[in-house]
Amino acid sequence: MKTITCQAAIADGQGKFSIEQIRVAGPETDEILVRIQAAGICHTDYASLNWKRPLVMGHEGAGIVEEIGPQVTHVKPGERVVLNWAIPCGTCFQCRGGHPVLCEESKPAYVMQRSKGHARLEGTTWRGQPIDRSFNLGTLSEFALVRAAAVSPIPATVSFTAACIVGCGVMTGFGSVMNVARIKSGSSVAVLGCGGVGLNIIQAARLGGAKVIIAIDLHSPSLERAKKFGATDLVQVKTGDGAVQELVQNLKDLTGGRGADYAFEATSVPRLAFVPLMLVRNGGMALQVSGINEEVTVPMPQFMWNKTYVTPLYGDCVPARDFPLIFDSYLERKLLLDEIITKTYGLQDLGDAFEDMLSGKNAKGVILFQEGG
């Protein structure tokens, strides 16, 4: 069983990262070694710089199966695959109930040291010590050792560049509309934040038959992109006192004075977490999609009346159900993936990719490990 030395982005847990060598063990049991070809960049990757421990960064990725463990049957070496960060066990309460994203037993890949005592060692080491992989994937690495349940095949005609973003940003936006909100045809939808996730909310709303799709953002380039993905109305918001109240009034003006049927937050800005409640009508649904973890307070009257507030995880993804649908929609040109990707980078340019994302310059940046993607 060979061990591979490769390059990876390592977060130090204190706000910084470096590109260094790691060692990745070969797969055993239900493990798969994937040669990463492309990895998407999002705000969660930037947040991982401060997760209080070193780790191999990245959670969106696509690549080629390098080697498989003896229990793996659904893919073989040489196959093209996309990685899924919500790795289900398949047997716990949530998995059996049809919600694998909420798996209670999700675990990383391990290598079993079959010597006295059966000690368990991590499959990835850095500076001679075991190191965690972000979301048990660590896609900002030339190789990733993952469990079989993290791996899904991709069609031969889908590029690695397009496929890698399906593993989080596309699935989060698309699934939040299709699987969680289940929007009704002819409805009105407001989307706060028009980055990678927001654009996928917009185009999923278009596919779901929404009649009015209102894109909301600070930046005019982001709004122009949103129009290409299906937004029917654009609202450029301001900052400062009164900005939220002005936004609420704009939304009412665009929805017959009532508010939207559905409103999605996709900004990762804590103070905006509950703004969707103010944008929906009575009986409407507000969804906080960006996964805000900070403590936020909200006046209870914002929930009135009969409003639903949901914080969907990963679009309630079921890979076997959702990934083929996404790829089919892409190949039929109903779902845009290539157009989301603003720029590609090499691993050594990860800092530039973060800067472009944080400035709003990019809808989506992708790290390529091989020329061409």
Protein backbone atom coordinates (compact mmCIF):
# COMPACT_ATOMS: atom_id res chain seq x y z
CA MET A 1 0.00 0.00 0.00
CA LYS A 2 1.80 3.09 -1.26
CA THR A 3 1.98 6.46 0.47
CA ILE A 4 1.98 9.58 -1.72
CA THR A 5 3.72 12.86 -1.02
CA CYS A 6 1.93 15.86 -2.54
CA GLN A 7 1.25 19.58 -2.25
CA ALA A 8 -1.67 20.93 -0.24
CA ALA A 9 -3.00 24.16 1.29
CA ILE A 10 -2.67 23.97 5.08
CA ALA A 11 -4.68 26.29 7.35
CA ASP A 12 -2.88 27.05 10.62
CA GLY A 13 -6.09 27.64 12.60
CA GLN A 14 -5.07 31.22 13.35
CA GLY A 15 -6.02 33.00 10.15
CA LYS A 16 -3.19 32.03 7.81
CA PHE A 17 -2.36 29.26 5.37
CA SER A 18 0.68 27.89 3.56
CA ILE A 19 1.32 25.53 0.65
CA GLU A 20 3.25 22.56 2.00
CA GLN A 21 3.87 18.87 1.49
CA ILE A 22 1.65 16.24 3.05
CA ARG A 23 1.72 12.45 2.97
CA VAL A 24 -1.41 10.57 1.96
CA ALA A 25 -1.79 6.84 2.59
CA GLY A 26 -3.32 4.43 0.12
CA PRO A 27 -6.95 3.36 0.60
CA GLU A 28 -8.20 0.45 2.68
CA THR A 29 -11.70 -0.92 3.41
CA ASP A 30 -14.26 1.55 1.93
CA GLU A 31 -11.74 4.28 1.11
CA ILE A 32 -10.91 5.94 -2.22
CA LEU A 33 -7.80 7.86 -3.19
CA VAL A 34 -8.71 10.67 -5.59
CA ARG A 35 -6.28 12.69 -7.70
CA ILE A 36 -7.86 16.14 -7.48
CA GLN A 37 -8.14 18.02 -10.77
CA ALA A 38 -10.18 21.07 -9.73
CA ALA A 39 -11.35 22.57 -6.43
CA GLY A 40 -13.88 25.35 -5.91
CA ILE A 41 -13.26 28.23 -3.50
CA CYS A 42 -15.95 29.67 -1.22
CA HIS A 43 -16.36 31.69 1.97
CA THR A 44 -16.32 28.52 4.08
CA ASP A 45 -12.77 27.82 2.91
CA TYR A 46 -11.72 31.28 4.05
CA ALA A 47 -13.48 30.77 7.38
CA SER A 48 -11.55 27.52 7.88
CA LEU A 49 -8.37 29.52 8.36
CA ASN A 50 -9.62 30.23 11.89
CA TRP A 51 -10.94 26.83 12.92
CA LYS A 52 -8.46 26.59 15.83
CA ARG A 53 -6.43 23.68 14.43
CA PRO A 54 -4.29 22.88 11.40
CA LEU A 55 -6.14 21.19 8.56
CA VAL A 56 -5.94 20.42 4.85
CA MET A 57 -8.22 23.01 3.28
CA GLY A 58 -10.99 22.69 0.72
CA HIS A 59 -14.37 20.97 0.46
CA GLU A 60 -15.37 21.31 -3.23
CA GLY A 61 -13.53 19.02 -5.59
CA ALA A 62 -13.55 16.80 -8.65
CA GLY A 63 -10.90 14.46 -9.95
CA ILE A 64 -9.89 10.97 -11.03
CA VAL A 65 -10.04 7.81 -8.93
CA GLU A 66 -6.43 6.79 -8.34
CA GLU A 67 -6.96 3.73 -6.18
CA ILE A 68 -9.81 2.03 -4.30
CA GLY A 69 -10.15 -0.06 -1.16
CA PRO A 70 -11.44 -3.66 -1.36
CA GLN A 71 -14.99 -2.75 -0.28
CA VAL A 72 -15.52 -0.13 -3.01
CA THR A 73 -17.75 -1.28 -5.87
CA HIS A 74 -19.43 1.78 -7.41
CA VAL A 75 -16.33 3.32 -9.01
CA LYS A 76 -13.03 2.02 -10.31
CA PRO A 77 -9.56 3.52 -10.91
CA GLY A 78 -9.52 5.99 -13.78
CA GLU A 79 -13.13 7.11 -13.33
CA ARG A 80 -14.02 10.80 -13.14
CA VAL A 81 -15.76 11.77 -9.90
CA VAL A 82 -17.10 14.68 -7.86
CA LEU A 83 -16.80 14.79 -4.06
CA ASN A 84 -19.66 15.30 -1.61
CA TRP A 85 -18.70 16.86 1.74
CA ALA A 86 -21.76 15.65 3.69
CA ILE A 87 -20.58 12.05 3.86
CA PRO A 88 -23.36 9.72 5.05
CA CYS A 89 -23.00 6.47 6.97
CA GLY A 90 -26.17 5.09 5.41
CA THR A 91 -27.48 3.43 8.57
CA CYS A 92 -28.15 6.08 11.25
CA PHE A 93 -31.57 7.58 12.04
CA GLN A 94 -31.16 10.52 9.66
CA CYS A 95 -29.74 8.48 6.79
CA ARG A 96 -32.54 5.93 7.06
CA GLY A 97 -35.02 8.80 7.17
CA GLY A 98 -33.86 10.16 3.81
CA HIS A 99 -31.74 13.06 5.09
CA PRO A 100 -28.08 11.94 4.70
CA VAL A 101 -26.84 15.54 5.06
CA LEU A 102 -27.80 15.25 8.73
CA CYS A 103 -25.86 11.99 9.23
CA GLU A 104 -25.13 11.34 12.89
CA GLU A 105 -22.10 9.13 12.25
CA SER A 106 -20.19 10.83 9.43
CA LYS A 107 -16.49 9.98 9.79
CA PRO A 108 -13.25 10.66 7.91
CA ALA A 109 -11.20 8.07 6.06
CA TYR A 110 -8.73 6.22 8.22
CA VAL A 111 -5.93 3.77 7.67
CA MET A 112 -5.97 0.78 10.01
CA GLN A 113 -2.57 -0.21 11.28
CA ARG A 114 -2.93 -3.97 11.38
CA SER A 115 -0.31 -4.59 14.01
CA LYS A 116 -0.47 -5.37 17.70
CA GLY A 117 -3.28 -3.45 19.35
CA HIS A 118 -4.92 -2.51 16.02
CA ALA A 119 -4.04 1.15 16.55
CA ARG A 120 -5.88 3.54 14.22
CA LEU A 121 -3.89 6.16 12.33
CA GLU A 122 -5.06 9.07 10.23
CA GLY A 123 -4.61 8.60 6.48
CA THR A 124 -3.08 12.06 6.00
CA THR A 125 0.00 13.39 7.82
CA TRP A 126 1.75 16.76 7.84
CA ARG A 127 5.16 17.34 9.38
CA GLY A 128 5.04 13.78 10.64
CA GLN A 129 1.73 14.18 12.51
CA PRO A 130 -1.87 13.28 11.61
CA ILE A 131 -3.87 16.22 10.24
CA ASP A 132 -7.60 16.65 9.65
CA ARG A 133 -9.05 17.30 6.22
CA SER A 134 -11.66 20.04 5.94
CA PHE A 135 -15.09 18.37 5.94
CA ASN A 136 -13.24 15.04 5.74
CA LEU A 137 -12.24 15.90 2.16
CA GLY A 138 -9.43 18.48 1.99
CA THR A 139 -9.77 19.15 -1.74
CA LEU A 140 -7.08 21.87 -1.87
CA SER A 141 -4.60 19.04 -2.17
CA GLU A 142 -3.26 17.11 -5.12
CA PHE A 143 -4.63 13.90 -3.57
CA ALA A 144 -7.53 13.27 -1.20
CA LEU A 145 -8.21 10.09 0.76
CA VAL A 146 -11.96 9.89 1.36
CA ARG A 147 -14.68 7.40 2.20
CA ALA A 148 -16.57 5.79 -0.67
CA ALA A 149 -19.80 7.58 0.25
CA ALA A 150 -18.10 10.90 -0.58
CA VAL A 151 -17.62 9.96 -4.23
CA SER A 152 -20.07 10.17 -7.16
CA PRO A 153 -19.32 9.59 -10.87
CA ILE A 154 -19.59 12.49 -13.31
CA PRO A 155 -20.47 12.31 -17.02
CA ALA A 156 -17.54 12.21 -19.44
CA THR A 157 -18.66 15.44 -21.11
CA VAL A 158 -18.68 17.52 -17.90
CA SER A 159 -15.39 19.31 -17.21
CA PHE A 160 -13.70 18.97 -13.84
CA THR A 161 -13.94 22.76 -13.52
CA ALA A 162 -17.72 22.70 -13.80
CA ALA A 163 -18.14 19.50 -11.79
CA CYS A 164 -16.16 20.59 -8.73
CA ILE A 165 -18.53 23.43 -7.82
CA VAL A 166 -21.52 21.07 -7.82
CA GLY A 167 -20.10 19.49 -4.65
CA CYS A 168 -21.14 22.46 -2.51
CA GLY A 169 -22.06 25.86 -3.96
CA VAL A 170 -24.31 24.63 -6.76
CA MET A 171 -25.93 21.92 -4.65
CA THR A 172 -26.55 24.31 -1.74
CA GLY A 173 -28.38 26.87 -3.88
CA PHE A 174 -30.12 24.42 -6.19
CA GLY A 175 -31.24 22.09 -3.40
CA SER A 176 -32.44 24.88 -1.13
CA VAL A 177 -34.91 25.83 -3.85
CA MET A 178 -35.85 22.40 -5.17
CA ASN A 179 -35.63 20.16 -2.09
CA VAL A 180 -36.31 22.51 0.82
CA ALA A 181 -38.44 25.45 -0.32
CA ARG A 182 -40.03 23.46 -3.15
CA ILE A 183 -41.17 26.69 -4.71
CA LYS A 184 -44.44 26.83 -6.56
CA SER A 185 -44.65 27.73 -10.23
CA GLY A 186 -45.64 31.36 -10.69
CA SER A 187 -44.30 32.42 -7.28
CA SER A 188 -42.12 35.38 -6.33
CA VAL A 189 -38.59 34.86 -5.01
CA ALA A 190 -36.12 37.31 -3.45
CA VAL A 191 -32.41 36.42 -3.26
CA LEU A 192 -30.17 38.43 -0.93
CA GLY A 193 -26.58 38.02 -2.11
CA CYS A 194 -25.61 37.16 -5.69
CA GLY A 195 -22.35 35.27 -5.30
CA GLY A 196 -21.94 31.63 -6.27
CA VAL A 197 -24.68 30.26 -4.01
CA GLY A 198 -27.07 33.13 -4.75
CA LEU A 199 -26.72 32.65 -8.51
CA ASN A 200 -27.64 28.99 -8.12
CA ILE A 201 -30.69 29.94 -6.06
CA ILE A 202 -31.69 32.30 -8.86
CA GLN A 203 -31.31 29.77 -11.65
CA ALA A 204 -33.01 27.03 -9.65
CA ALA A 205 -35.92 29.42 -9.05
CA ARG A 206 -36.05 29.98 -12.80
CA LEU A 207 -36.11 26.22 -13.41
CA GLY A 208 -38.81 25.88 -10.74
CA GLY A 209 -41.09 28.26 -12.63
CA ALA A 210 -40.87 31.38 -10.45
CA LYS A 211 -42.52 34.34 -12.16
CA VAL A 212 -40.68 37.08 -10.26
CA ILE A 213 -37.03 36.63 -9.20
CA ILE A 214 -35.59 39.63 -7.37
CA ALA A 215 -31.78 39.76 -7.09
CA ILE A 216 -30.39 41.90 -4.24
CA ASP A 217 -26.74 42.86 -3.84
CA LEU A 218 -24.39 45.71 -3.01
CA HIS A 219 -22.39 45.41 -6.23
CA SER A 220 -23.71 46.24 -9.70
CA PRO A 221 -21.48 43.63 -11.46
CA SER A 222 -23.03 40.95 -9.24
CA LEU A 223 -26.51 42.12 -10.20
CA GLU A 224 -25.65 42.09 -13.91
CA ARG A 225 -24.50 38.48 -13.52
CA ALA A 226 -27.74 37.67 -11.70
CA LYS A 227 -29.76 38.91 -14.67
CA LYS A 228 -28.00 36.41 -16.94
CA PHE A 229 -28.99 33.59 -14.58
CA GLY A 230 -32.67 34.45 -14.54
CA ALA A 231 -33.31 37.44 -12.25
CA THR A 232 -36.28 39.48 -13.43
CA ASP A 233 -35.64 42.46 -11.15
CA LEU A 234 -32.43 43.93 -9.70
CA VAL A 235 -32.14 45.83 -6.41
CA GLN A 236 -28.83 47.42 -5.51
CA VAL A 237 -28.80 48.00 -1.78
CA LYS A 238 -26.91 50.58 0.23
CA THR A 239 -25.14 50.37 3.55
CA GLY A 240 -25.81 52.44 6.64
CA ASP A 241 -28.86 53.59 8.55
CA GLY A 242 -32.17 52.91 6.89
CA ALA A 243 -30.77 50.56 4.24
CA VAL A 244 -32.79 47.54 5.35
CA GLN A 245 -36.01 49.53 5.65
CA GLU A 246 -35.49 50.91 2.15
CA LEU A 247 -34.88 47.38 0.85
CA VAL A 248 -38.08 46.11 2.46
CA GLN A 249 -40.06 48.90 0.83
CA ASN A 250 -38.47 48.16 -2.57
CA LEU A 251 -39.47 44.51 -2.23
CA LYS A 252 -43.05 45.42 -1.38
CA ASP A 253 -43.21 47.71 -4.38
CA LEU A 254 -42.07 44.85 -6.61
CA THR A 255 -44.53 42.34 -5.13
CA GLY A 256 -47.81 44.22 -5.05
CA GLY A 257 -47.24 45.59 -1.54
CA ARG A 258 -47.26 42.14 0.00
CA GLY A 259 -43.69 40.81 0.03
CA ALA A 260 -42.13 37.83 -1.71
CA ASP A 261 -43.43 34.27 -1.42
CA TYR A 262 -39.89 33.09 -0.70
CA ALA A 263 -36.75 34.96 0.35
CA PHE A 264 -33.24 33.48 0.52
CA GLU A 265 -30.18 34.86 2.34
CA ALA A 266 -26.85 33.96 0.69
CA THR A 267 -24.42 36.58 2.00
CA SER A 268 -22.67 34.98 5.02
CA VAL A 269 -23.15 38.34 6.80
CA PRO A 270 -24.48 37.68 10.34
CA ARG A 271 -26.51 40.89 10.64
CA LEU A 272 -28.46 39.90 7.51
CA ALA A 273 -29.42 36.42 8.74
CA PHE A 274 -33.01 37.33 9.56
CA VAL A 275 -33.60 39.95 6.85
CA PRO A 276 -35.45 37.39 4.68
CA LEU A 277 -38.23 37.40 7.31
CA MET A 278 -38.79 41.05 6.50
CA LEU A 279 -38.88 40.39 2.76
CA VAL A 280 -41.57 37.71 2.71
CA ARG A 281 -45.32 38.07 2.91
CA ASN A 282 -47.42 36.68 5.74
CA GLY A 283 -47.35 32.92 5.32
CA GLY A 284 -44.16 33.12 3.26
CA MET A 285 -40.93 31.17 3.67
CA ALA A 286 -37.58 32.71 4.64
CA LEU A 287 -34.42 30.64 4.15
CA GLN A 288 -31.00 31.42 5.62
CA VAL A 289 -28.77 29.48 3.23
CA SER A 290 -25.21 30.67 3.90
CA GLY A 291 -24.71 28.81 7.18
CA ILE A 292 -24.17 31.73 9.55
CA ASN A 293 -22.87 30.45 12.90
CA GLU A 294 -22.51 33.66 14.87
CA GLU A 295 -25.00 34.66 17.56
CA VAL A 296 -27.67 36.93 16.11
CA THR A 297 -30.79 38.41 17.72
CA VAL A 298 -34.12 39.06 16.01
CA PRO A 299 -37.32 40.85 17.11
CA MET A 300 -40.00 38.17 17.37
CA PRO A 301 -42.64 40.23 15.49
CA GLN A 302 -40.60 39.61 12.32
CA PHE A 303 -41.91 36.03 12.40
CA MET A 304 -45.51 37.22 12.28
CA TRP A 305 -47.72 35.95 10.75
CA ASN A 306 -47.46 32.26 9.79
CA LYS A 307 -44.01 32.79 8.33
CA THR A 308 -41.60 29.86 8.10
CA TYR A 309 -37.88 30.32 8.78
CA VAL A 310 -35.54 27.54 7.65
CA THR A 311 -31.77 27.09 7.73
CA PRO A 312 -31.23 24.38 5.10
CA LEU A 313 -28.02 22.36 5.16
CA TYR A 314 -26.44 21.68 1.78
CA GLY A 315 -29.80 21.81 0.02
CA ASP A 316 -30.82 18.55 1.77
CA CYS A 317 -28.57 16.79 -0.72
CA VAL A 318 -28.99 13.15 -1.68
CA PRO A 319 -26.11 12.68 -4.16
CA ALA A 320 -27.63 9.74 -6.05
CA ARG A 321 -30.79 11.76 -6.62
CA ASP A 322 -29.50 15.30 -7.03
CA PHE A 323 -26.14 15.12 -8.82
CA PRO A 324 -27.48 13.34 -11.93
CA LEU A 325 -30.33 15.86 -12.13
CA ILE A 326 -27.88 18.77 -11.90
CA PHE A 327 -25.53 17.32 -14.52
CA ASP A 328 -28.42 16.49 -16.88
CA SER A 329 -29.77 20.04 -16.53
CA TYR A 330 -26.28 21.39 -17.26
CA LEU A 331 -25.83 19.23 -20.35
CA GLU A 332 -29.26 20.35 -21.58
CA ARG A 333 -28.15 24.00 -21.07
CA LYS A 334 -30.94 24.57 -18.57
CA LEU A 335 -28.48 25.04 -15.69
CA LEU A 336 -25.41 27.25 -16.10
CA LEU A 337 -22.18 26.11 -14.46
CA ASP A 338 -19.31 27.40 -16.60
CA GLU A 339 -20.76 30.90 -16.48
CA ILE A 340 -20.55 30.95 -12.67
CA ILE A 341 -16.78 30.51 -12.73
CA THR A 342 -15.18 33.92 -13.04
CA LYS A 343 -11.53 32.87 -12.89
CA THR A 344 -9.27 29.85 -12.41
CA TYR A 345 -6.02 29.77 -10.43
CA GLY A 346 -3.11 27.53 -9.55
CA LEU A 347 -2.75 26.29 -5.98
CA GLN A 348 0.09 28.77 -5.40
CA ASP A 349 -2.37 31.59 -6.21
CA LEU A 350 -4.87 30.67 -3.48
CA GLY A 351 -4.31 34.01 -1.74
CA ASP A 352 -5.32 35.87 -4.91
CA ALA A 353 -8.42 33.69 -5.21
CA PHE A 354 -9.46 34.62 -1.68
CA GLU A 355 -8.89 38.33 -2.33
CA ASP A 356 -10.99 38.24 -5.49
CA MET A 357 -13.79 36.41 -3.69
CA LEU A 358 -13.86 38.73 -0.68
CA SER A 359 -13.86 41.85 -2.86
CA GLY A 360 -16.87 40.62 -4.84
CA LYS A 361 -14.82 40.45 -8.02
CA ASN A 362 -15.59 36.76 -8.50
CA ALA A 363 -18.85 34.87 -8.52
CA LYS A 364 -16.75 31.74 -8.20
CA GLY A 365 -13.05 30.96 -8.30
CA VAL A 366 -11.63 27.50 -9.02
CA ILE A 367 -8.18 26.08 -8.32
CA LEU A 368 -6.90 23.88 -11.17
CA PHE A 369 -4.33 21.18 -10.52
CA GLN A 370 -3.97 20.29 -14.20
CA GLU A 371 -3.97 22.54 -17.25
CA GLY A 372 -7.32 22.70 -19.00
CA GLY A 373 -9.59 21.62 -16.13
